[in-house]
PDB file of all heavy atoms in Angstrom:
ATOM      1  N   TYR A   1      68.958  19.642 181.948  1.00  0.00           N
ATOM      2  CA  TYR A   1      67.787  19.211 181.184  1.00  0.00           C
ATOM      3  C   TYR A   1      68.032  19.381 179.689  1.00  0.00           C
ATOM      4  O   TYR A   1      67.747  18.475 178.888  1.00  0.00           O
ATOM      5  CB  TYR A   1      66.558  20.008 181.633  1.00  0.00           C
ATOM      6  CG  TYR A   1      65.354  19.788 180.758  1.00  0.00           C
ATOM      7  CD1 TYR A   1      64.643  18.595 180.820  1.00  0.00           C
ATOM      8  CD2 TYR A   1      64.924  20.772 179.863  1.00  0.00           C
ATOM      9  CE1 TYR A   1      63.539  18.388 180.015  1.00  0.00           C
ATOM     10  CE2 TYR A   1      63.826  20.571 179.063  1.00  0.00           C
ATOM     11  CZ  TYR A   1      63.133  19.378 179.136  1.00  0.00           C
ATOM     12  OH  TYR A   1      62.042  19.182 178.332  1.00  0.00           O
ATOM     13  N   GLN A   2      68.559  20.528 179.282  1.00  0.00           N
ATOM     14  CA  GLN A   2      68.814  20.773 177.866  1.00  0.00           C
ATOM     15  C   GLN A   2      69.845  19.801 177.307  1.00  0.00           C
ATOM     16  O   GLN A   2      69.726  19.339 176.173  1.00  0.00           O
ATOM     17  CB  GLN A   2      69.275  22.221 177.670  1.00  0.00           C
ATOM     18  CG  GLN A   2      68.167  23.223 177.916  1.00  0.00           C
ATOM     19  CD  GLN A   2      68.692  24.644 178.016  1.00  0.00           C
ATOM     20  OE1 GLN A   2      69.893  24.886 177.936  1.00  0.00           O
ATOM     21  NE2 GLN A   2      67.775  25.582 178.205  1.00  0.00           N
ATOM     22  N   ARG A   3      70.853  19.477 178.106  1.00  0.00           N
ATOM     23  CA  ARG A   3      71.865  18.525 177.670  1.00  0.00           C
ATOM     24  C   ARG A   3      71.248  17.141 177.478  1.00  0.00           C
ATOM     25  O   ARG A   3      71.548  16.448 176.509  1.00  0.00           O
ATOM     26  CB  ARG A   3      73.007  18.495 178.689  1.00  0.00           C
ATOM     27  CG  ARG A   3      74.215  17.736 178.215  1.00  0.00           C
ATOM     28  CD  ARG A   3      75.388  17.840 179.181  1.00  0.00           C
ATOM     29  NE  ARG A   3      75.043  17.281 180.484  1.00  0.00           N
ATOM     30  CZ  ARG A   3      75.038  17.948 181.636  1.00  0.00           C
ATOM     31  NH1 ARG A   3      75.362  19.229 181.657  1.00  0.00           N
ATOM     32  NH2 ARG A   3      74.720  17.360 182.769  1.00  0.00           N
ATOM     33  N   ARG A   4      70.371  16.730 178.399  1.00  0.00           N
ATOM     34  CA  ARG A   4      69.719  15.422 178.295  1.00  0.00           C
ATOM     35  C   ARG A   4      68.791  15.352 177.084  1.00  0.00           C
ATOM     36  O   ARG A   4      68.750  14.347 176.383  1.00  0.00           O
ATOM     37  CB  ARG A   4      68.913  15.124 179.570  1.00  0.00           C
ATOM     38  CG  ARG A   4      69.757  14.888 180.788  1.00  0.00           C
ATOM     39  CD  ARG A   4      70.395  13.512 180.740  1.00  0.00           C
ATOM     40  NE  ARG A   4      71.188  13.266 181.909  1.00  0.00           N
ATOM     41  CZ  ARG A   4      70.925  12.329 182.810  1.00  0.00           C
ATOM     42  NH1 ARG A   4      69.900  11.537 182.654  1.00  0.00           N
ATOM     43  NH2 ARG A   4      71.721  12.175 183.838  1.00  0.00           N
ATOM     44  N   VAL A   5      68.042  16.415 176.840  1.00  0.00           N
ATOM     45  CA  VAL A   5      67.139  16.437 175.688  1.00  0.00           C
ATOM     46  C   VAL A   5      67.941  16.426 174.388  1.00  0.00           C
ATOM     47  O   VAL A   5      67.582  15.740 173.424  1.00  0.00           O
ATOM     48  CB  VAL A   5      66.195  17.660 175.750  1.00  0.00           C
ATOM     49  CG1 VAL A   5      65.440  17.848 174.444  1.00  0.00           C
ATOM     50  CG2 VAL A   5      65.214  17.494 176.896  1.00  0.00           C
ATOM     51  N   ALA A   6      69.047  17.148 174.337  1.00  0.00           N
ATOM     52  CA  ALA A   6      69.882  17.176 173.131  1.00  0.00           C
ATOM     53  C   ALA A   6      70.532  15.823 172.864  1.00  0.00           C
ATOM     54  O   ALA A   6      70.847  15.492 171.721  1.00  0.00           O
ATOM     55  CB  ALA A   6      70.950  18.254 173.264  1.00  0.00           C
ATOM     56  N   ALA A   7      70.719  15.011 173.907  1.00  0.00           N
ATOM     57  CA  ALA A   7      71.366  13.705 173.740  1.00  0.00           C
ATOM     58  C   ALA A   7      70.405  12.620 173.257  1.00  0.00           C
ATOM     59  O   ALA A   7      70.845  11.522 172.897  1.00  0.00           O
ATOM     60  CB  ALA A   7      72.005  13.273 175.066  1.00  0.00           C
ATOM     61  N   ILE A   8      69.101  12.910 173.227  1.00  0.00           N
ATOM     62  CA  ILE A   8      68.128  11.911 172.769  1.00  0.00           C
ATOM     63  C   ILE A   8      68.251  11.760 171.257  1.00  0.00           C
ATOM     64  O   ILE A   8      68.170  12.741 170.524  1.00  0.00           O
ATOM     65  CB  ILE A   8      66.688  12.331 173.140  1.00  0.00           C
ATOM     66  CG1 ILE A   8      66.527  12.412 174.646  1.00  0.00           C
ATOM     67  CG2 ILE A   8      65.675  11.346 172.550  1.00  0.00           C
ATOM     68  CD1 ILE A   8      65.180  12.937 175.088  1.00  0.00           C
ATOM     69  N   PRO A   9      68.452  10.524 170.760  1.00  0.00           N
ATOM     70  CA  PRO A   9      68.532  10.330 169.307  1.00  0.00           C
ATOM     71  C   PRO A   9      67.186  10.637 168.643  1.00  0.00           C
ATOM     72  O   PRO A   9      66.148  10.253 169.162  1.00  0.00           O
ATOM     73  CB  PRO A   9      68.887   8.850 169.145  1.00  0.00           C
ATOM     74  CG  PRO A   9      69.120   8.303 170.500  1.00  0.00           C
ATOM     75  CD  PRO A   9      68.647   9.295 171.497  1.00  0.00           C
ATOM     76  N   PRO A  10      67.186  11.329 167.511  1.00  0.00           N
ATOM     77  CA  PRO A  10      65.917  11.729 166.875  1.00  0.00           C
ATOM     78  C   PRO A  10      65.072  10.541 166.416  1.00  0.00           C
ATOM     79  O   PRO A  10      63.856  10.646 166.321  1.00  0.00           O
ATOM     80  CB  PRO A  10      66.352  12.594 165.696  1.00  0.00           C
ATOM     81  CG  PRO A  10      67.792  12.335 165.506  1.00  0.00           C
ATOM     82  CD  PRO A  10      68.349  11.825 166.785  1.00  0.00           C
ATOM     83  N   GLY A  11      65.686   9.411 166.144  1.00  0.00           N
ATOM     84  CA  GLY A  11      64.934   8.236 165.702  1.00  0.00           C
ATOM     85  C   GLY A  11      64.623   7.269 166.821  1.00  0.00           C
ATOM     86  O   GLY A  11      64.115   6.184 166.588  1.00  0.00           O
ATOM     87  N   GLY A  12      64.943   7.633 168.045  1.00  0.00           N
ATOM     88  CA  GLY A  12      64.741   6.721 169.163  1.00  0.00           C
ATOM     89  C   GLY A  12      65.983   5.874 169.404  1.00  0.00           C
ATOM     90  O   GLY A  12      67.062   6.157 168.870  1.00  0.00           O
ATOM     91  N   ALA A  13      65.828   4.832 170.211  1.00  0.00           N
ATOM     92  CA  ALA A  13      66.971   3.981 170.554  1.00  0.00           C
ATOM     93  C   ALA A  13      66.562   2.510 170.494  1.00  0.00           C
ATOM     94  O   ALA A  13      65.438   2.155 170.847  1.00  0.00           O
ATOM     95  CB  ALA A  13      67.489   4.325 171.943  1.00  0.00           C
ATOM     96  N   LEU A  14      67.484   1.693 170.048  1.00  0.00           N
ATOM     97  CA  LEU A  14      67.299   0.247 170.002  1.00  0.00           C
ATOM     98  C   LEU A  14      68.127  -0.338 171.141  1.00  0.00           C
ATOM     99  O   LEU A  14      69.329  -0.086 171.230  1.00  0.00           O
ATOM    100  CB  LEU A  14      67.794  -0.282 168.654  1.00  0.00           C
ATOM    101  CG  LEU A  14      67.336  -1.649 168.214  1.00  0.00           C
ATOM    102  CD1 LEU A  14      65.828  -1.680 168.050  1.00  0.00           C
ATOM    103  CD2 LEU A  14      67.989  -2.021 166.899  1.00  0.00           C
ATOM    104  N   LEU A  15      67.495  -1.090 172.019  1.00  0.00           N
ATOM    105  CA  LEU A  15      68.174  -1.663 173.178  1.00  0.00           C
ATOM    106  C   LEU A  15      68.374  -3.156 172.947  1.00  0.00           C
ATOM    107  O   LEU A  15      67.406  -3.888 172.746  1.00  0.00           O
ATOM    108  CB  LEU A  15      67.357  -1.428 174.445  1.00  0.00           C
ATOM    109  CG  LEU A  15      67.952  -1.959 175.741  1.00  0.00           C
ATOM    110  CD1 LEU A  15      69.194  -1.156 176.106  1.00  0.00           C
ATOM    111  CD2 LEU A  15      66.946  -1.891 176.864  1.00  0.00           C
ATOM    112  N   VAL A  16      69.620  -3.605 172.956  1.00  0.00           N
ATOM    113  CA  VAL A  16      69.956  -5.020 172.773  1.00  0.00           C
ATOM    114  C   VAL A  16      70.362  -5.581 174.131  1.00  0.00           C
ATOM    115  O   VAL A  16      71.246  -5.046 174.789  1.00  0.00           O
ATOM    116  CB  VAL A  16      71.110  -5.197 171.761  1.00  0.00           C
ATOM    117  CG1 VAL A  16      71.471  -6.654 171.608  1.00  0.00           C
ATOM    118  CG2 VAL A  16      70.746  -4.595 170.422  1.00  0.00           C
ATOM    119  N   THR A  17      69.718  -6.675 174.546  1.00  0.00           N
ATOM    120  CA  THR A  17      70.004  -7.332 175.820  1.00  0.00           C
ATOM    121  C   THR A  17      70.316  -8.795 175.551  1.00  0.00           C
ATOM    122  O   THR A  17      69.561  -9.461 174.841  1.00  0.00           O
ATOM    123  CB  THR A  17      68.791  -7.245 176.771  1.00  0.00           C
ATOM    124  OG1 THR A  17      68.419  -5.885 176.917  1.00  0.00           O
ATOM    125  CG2 THR A  17      69.124  -7.838 178.123  1.00  0.00           C
ATOM    126  N   ILE A  18      71.421  -9.285 176.114  1.00  0.00           N
ATOM    127  CA  ILE A  18      71.754 -10.710 175.969  1.00  0.00           C
ATOM    128  C   ILE A  18      72.019 -11.311 177.339  1.00  0.00           C
ATOM    129  O   ILE A  18      72.477 -10.632 178.253  1.00  0.00           O
ATOM    130  CB  ILE A  18      72.979 -10.939 175.050  1.00  0.00           C
ATOM    131  CG1 ILE A  18      74.245 -10.323 175.643  1.00  0.00           C
ATOM    132  CG2 ILE A  18      72.726 -10.420 173.666  1.00  0.00           C
ATOM    133  CD1 ILE A  18      75.513 -10.728 174.919  1.00  0.00           C
ATOM    134  N   HIS A  19      71.693 -12.575 177.483  1.00  0.00           N
ATOM    135  CA  HIS A  19      72.051 -13.380 178.647  1.00  0.00           C
ATOM    136  C   HIS A  19      72.846 -14.561 178.115  1.00  0.00           C
ATOM    137  O   HIS A  19      72.374 -15.283 177.241  1.00  0.00           O
ATOM    138  CB  HIS A  19      70.807 -13.897 179.381  1.00  0.00           C
ATOM    139  CG  HIS A  19      69.963 -12.815 179.965  1.00  0.00           C
ATOM    140  ND1 HIS A  19      68.743 -13.066 180.534  1.00  0.00           N
ATOM    141  CD2 HIS A  19      70.155 -11.487 180.078  1.00  0.00           C
ATOM    142  CE1 HIS A  19      68.222 -11.944 180.970  1.00  0.00           C
ATOM    143  NE2 HIS A  19      69.057 -10.967 180.698  1.00  0.00           N
ATOM    144  N   ARG A  20      74.032 -14.764 178.642  1.00  0.00           N
ATOM    145  CA  ARG A  20      74.888 -15.865 178.201  1.00  0.00           C
ATOM    146  C   ARG A  20      75.485 -16.555 179.416  1.00  0.00           C
ATOM    147  O   ARG A  20      75.629 -15.964 180.484  1.00  0.00           O
ATOM    148  CB  ARG A  20      76.039 -15.351 177.317  1.00  0.00           C
ATOM    149  CG  ARG A  20      75.599 -14.680 176.034  1.00  0.00           C
ATOM    150  CD  ARG A  20      75.058 -15.676 175.034  1.00  0.00           C
ATOM    151  NE  ARG A  20      74.836 -15.085 173.739  1.00  0.00           N
ATOM    152  CZ  ARG A  20      73.677 -14.609 173.317  1.00  0.00           C
ATOM    153  NH1 ARG A  20      72.624 -14.643 174.108  1.00  0.00           N
ATOM    154  NH2 ARG A  20      73.555 -14.084 172.118  1.00  0.00           N
ATOM    155  N   GLN A  21      75.879 -17.815 179.223  1.00  0.00           N
ATOM    156  CA  GLN A  21      76.535 -18.553 180.287  1.00  0.00           C
ATOM    157  C   GLN A  21      78.016 -18.211 180.284  1.00  0.00           C
ATOM    158  O   GLN A  21      78.668 -18.282 179.243  1.00  0.00           O
ATOM    159  CB  GLN A  21      76.352 -20.059 180.098  1.00  0.00           C
ATOM    160  CG  GLN A  21      74.944 -20.513 180.385  1.00  0.00           C
ATOM    161  CD  GLN A  21      74.761 -22.007 180.178  1.00  0.00           C
ATOM    162  OE1 GLN A  21      75.560 -22.652 179.520  1.00  0.00           O
ATOM    163  NE2 GLN A  21      73.703 -22.544 180.745  1.00  0.00           N
ATOM    164  N   GLY A  22      78.544 -17.855 181.437  1.00  0.00           N
ATOM    165  CA  GLY A  22      79.961 -17.542 181.566  1.00  0.00           C
ATOM    166  C   GLY A  22      80.252 -16.095 181.210  1.00  0.00           C
ATOM    167  O   GLY A  22      79.639 -15.534 180.311  1.00  0.00           O
ATOM    168  N   PRO A  23      81.206 -15.477 181.905  1.00  0.00           N
ATOM    169  CA  PRO A  23      81.495 -14.054 181.674  1.00  0.00           C
ATOM    170  C   PRO A  23      82.096 -13.770 180.301  1.00  0.00           C
ATOM    171  O   PRO A  23      81.873 -12.709 179.739  1.00  0.00           O
ATOM    172  CB  PRO A  23      82.475 -13.707 182.793  1.00  0.00           C
ATOM    173  CG  PRO A  23      83.071 -15.000 183.216  1.00  0.00           C
ATOM    174  CD  PRO A  23      82.023 -16.045 182.974  1.00  0.00           C
ATOM    175  N   LYS A  24      82.846 -14.709 179.729  1.00  0.00           N
ATOM    176  CA  LYS A  24      83.477 -14.457 178.429  1.00  0.00           C
ATOM    177  C   LYS A  24      82.478 -14.541 177.284  1.00  0.00           C
ATOM    178  O   LYS A  24      82.711 -13.985 176.214  1.00  0.00           O
ATOM    179  CB  LYS A  24      84.607 -15.453 178.193  1.00  0.00           C
ATOM    180  CG  LYS A  24      85.769 -15.258 179.133  1.00  0.00           C
ATOM    181  CD  LYS A  24      86.873 -16.231 178.853  1.00  0.00           C
ATOM    182  CE  LYS A  24      88.012 -16.025 179.838  1.00  0.00           C
ATOM    183  NZ  LYS A  24      89.057 -17.019 179.685  1.00  0.00           N
ATOM    184  N   ASN A  25      81.364 -15.237 177.483  1.00  0.00           N
ATOM    185  CA  ASN A  25      80.375 -15.388 176.419  1.00  0.00           C
ATOM    186  C   ASN A  25      79.447 -14.188 176.299  1.00  0.00           C
ATOM    187  O   ASN A  25      78.794 -14.014 175.288  1.00  0.00           O
ATOM    188  CB  ASN A  25      79.552 -16.659 176.650  1.00  0.00           C
ATOM    189  CG  ASN A  25      80.392 -17.897 176.502  1.00  0.00           C
ATOM    190  OD1 ASN A  25      81.356 -17.914 175.757  1.00  0.00           O
ATOM    191  ND2 ASN A  25      80.045 -18.935 177.232  1.00  0.00           N
ATOM    192  N   ALA A  26      79.369 -13.357 177.340  1.00  0.00           N
ATOM    193  CA  ALA A  26      78.512 -12.170 177.313  1.00  0.00           C
ATOM    194  C   ALA A  26      79.263 -10.991 176.712  1.00  0.00           C
ATOM    195  O   ALA A  26      79.204  -9.874 177.202  1.00  0.00           O
ATOM    196  CB  ALA A  26      78.028 -11.842 178.714  1.00  0.00           C
ATOM    197  N   GLU A  27      79.942 -11.225 175.627  1.00  0.00           N
ATOM    198  CA  GLU A  27      80.732 -10.201 174.942  1.00  0.00           C
ATOM    199  C   GLU A  27      79.905  -9.639 173.790  1.00  0.00           C
ATOM    200  O   GLU A  27      79.528 -10.374 172.868  1.00  0.00           O
ATOM    201  CB  GLU A  27      82.038 -10.809 174.427  1.00  0.00           C
ATOM    202  CG  GLU A  27      82.893  -9.877 173.626  1.00  0.00           C
ATOM    203  CD  GLU A  27      83.310  -8.647 174.410  1.00  0.00           C
ATOM    204  OE1 GLU A  27      83.797  -8.792 175.533  1.00  0.00           O
ATOM    205  OE2 GLU A  27      83.122  -7.541 173.889  1.00  0.00           O
ATOM    206  N   LEU A  28      79.611  -8.349 173.836  1.00  0.00           N
ATOM    207  CA  LEU A  28      78.747  -7.736 172.834  1.00  0.00           C
ATOM    208  C   LEU A  28      79.389  -7.643 171.455  1.00  0.00           C
ATOM    209  O   LEU A  28      78.688  -7.547 170.458  1.00  0.00           O
ATOM    210  CB  LEU A  28      78.321  -6.348 173.306  1.00  0.00           C
ATOM    211  CG  LEU A  28      77.335  -6.351 174.471  1.00  0.00           C
ATOM    212  CD1 LEU A  28      77.178  -4.951 175.032  1.00  0.00           C
ATOM    213  CD2 LEU A  28      76.001  -6.897 174.036  1.00  0.00           C
ATOM    214  N   SER A  29      80.706  -7.675 171.380  1.00  0.00           N
ATOM    215  CA  SER A  29      81.360  -7.571 170.070  1.00  0.00           C
ATOM    216  C   SER A  29      81.153  -8.820 169.222  1.00  0.00           C
ATOM    217  O   SER A  29      81.483  -8.827 168.039  1.00  0.00           O
ATOM    218  CB  SER A  29      82.852  -7.286 170.235  1.00  0.00           C
ATOM    219  OG  SER A  29      83.477  -8.363 170.899  1.00  0.00           O
ATOM    220  N   ASN A  30      80.579  -9.895 169.788  1.00  0.00           N
ATOM    221  CA  ASN A  30      80.239 -11.082 169.002  1.00  0.00           C
ATOM    222  C   ASN A  30      78.969 -10.880 168.189  1.00  0.00           C
ATOM    223  O   ASN A  30      78.648 -11.698 167.335  1.00  0.00           O
ATOM    224  CB  ASN A  30      80.038 -12.299 169.919  1.00  0.00           C
ATOM    225  CG  ASN A  30      81.315 -12.732 170.588  1.00  0.00           C
ATOM    226  OD1 ASN A  30      82.405 -12.540 170.064  1.00  0.00           O
ATOM    227  ND2 ASN A  30      81.192 -13.321 171.759  1.00  0.00           N
ATOM    228  N   LEU A  31      78.227  -9.815 168.468  1.00  0.00           N
ATOM    229  CA  LEU A  31      76.930  -9.598 167.824  1.00  0.00           C
ATOM    230  C   LEU A  31      77.037  -8.625 166.659  1.00  0.00           C
ATOM    231  O   LEU A  31      77.704  -7.599 166.747  1.00  0.00           O
ATOM    232  CB  LEU A  31      75.929  -9.041 168.831  1.00  0.00           C
ATOM    233  CG  LEU A  31      75.670  -9.872 170.083  1.00  0.00           C
ATOM    234  CD1 LEU A  31      74.671  -9.164 170.976  1.00  0.00           C
ATOM    235  CD2 LEU A  31      75.181 -11.250 169.725  1.00  0.00           C
ATOM    236  N   THR A  32      76.341  -8.980 165.569  1.00  0.00           N
ATOM    237  CA  THR A  32      76.215  -8.097 164.422  1.00  0.00           C
ATOM    238  C   THR A  32      74.731  -7.845 164.195  1.00  0.00           C
ATOM    239  O   THR A  32      73.957  -8.784 164.025  1.00  0.00           O
ATOM    240  CB  THR A  32      76.845  -8.716 163.162  1.00  0.00           C
ATOM    241  OG1 THR A  32      78.215  -8.990 163.423  1.00  0.00           O
ATOM    242  CG2 THR A  32      76.730  -7.774 161.982  1.00  0.00           C
ATOM    243  N   LEU A  33      74.349  -6.594 164.202  1.00  0.00           N
ATOM    244  CA  LEU A  33      72.957  -6.192 164.061  1.00  0.00           C
ATOM    245  C   LEU A  33      72.720  -5.724 162.632  1.00  0.00           C
ATOM    246  O   LEU A  33      73.469  -4.890 162.124  1.00  0.00           O
ATOM    247  CB  LEU A  33      72.655  -5.058 165.043  1.00  0.00           C
ATOM    248  CG  LEU A  33      71.267  -4.480 165.008  1.00  0.00           C
ATOM    249  CD1 LEU A  33      70.337  -5.342 165.839  1.00  0.00           C
ATOM    250  CD2 LEU A  33      71.281  -3.074 165.556  1.00  0.00           C
ATOM    251  N   THR A  34      71.683  -6.270 161.985  1.00  0.00           N
ATOM    252  CA  THR A  34      71.333  -5.873 160.628  1.00  0.00           C
ATOM    253  C   THR A  34      69.850  -5.525 160.600  1.00  0.00           C
ATOM    254  O   THR A  34      69.016  -6.337 160.994  1.00  0.00           O
ATOM    255  CB  THR A  34      71.605  -7.011 159.626  1.00  0.00           C
ATOM    256  OG1 THR A  34      72.957  -7.433 159.757  1.00  0.00           O
ATOM    257  CG2 THR A  34      71.361  -6.561 158.203  1.00  0.00           C
TER     258      THR A  34
END
């Protein structure tokens, strides 16, 4: 429990979800978040 609580980011978490056609297009390194 203590390990899980310590792993929570203090500012929360941003979850990015993508759906793409084809396995090669669902590559997260193509995305830049600003």
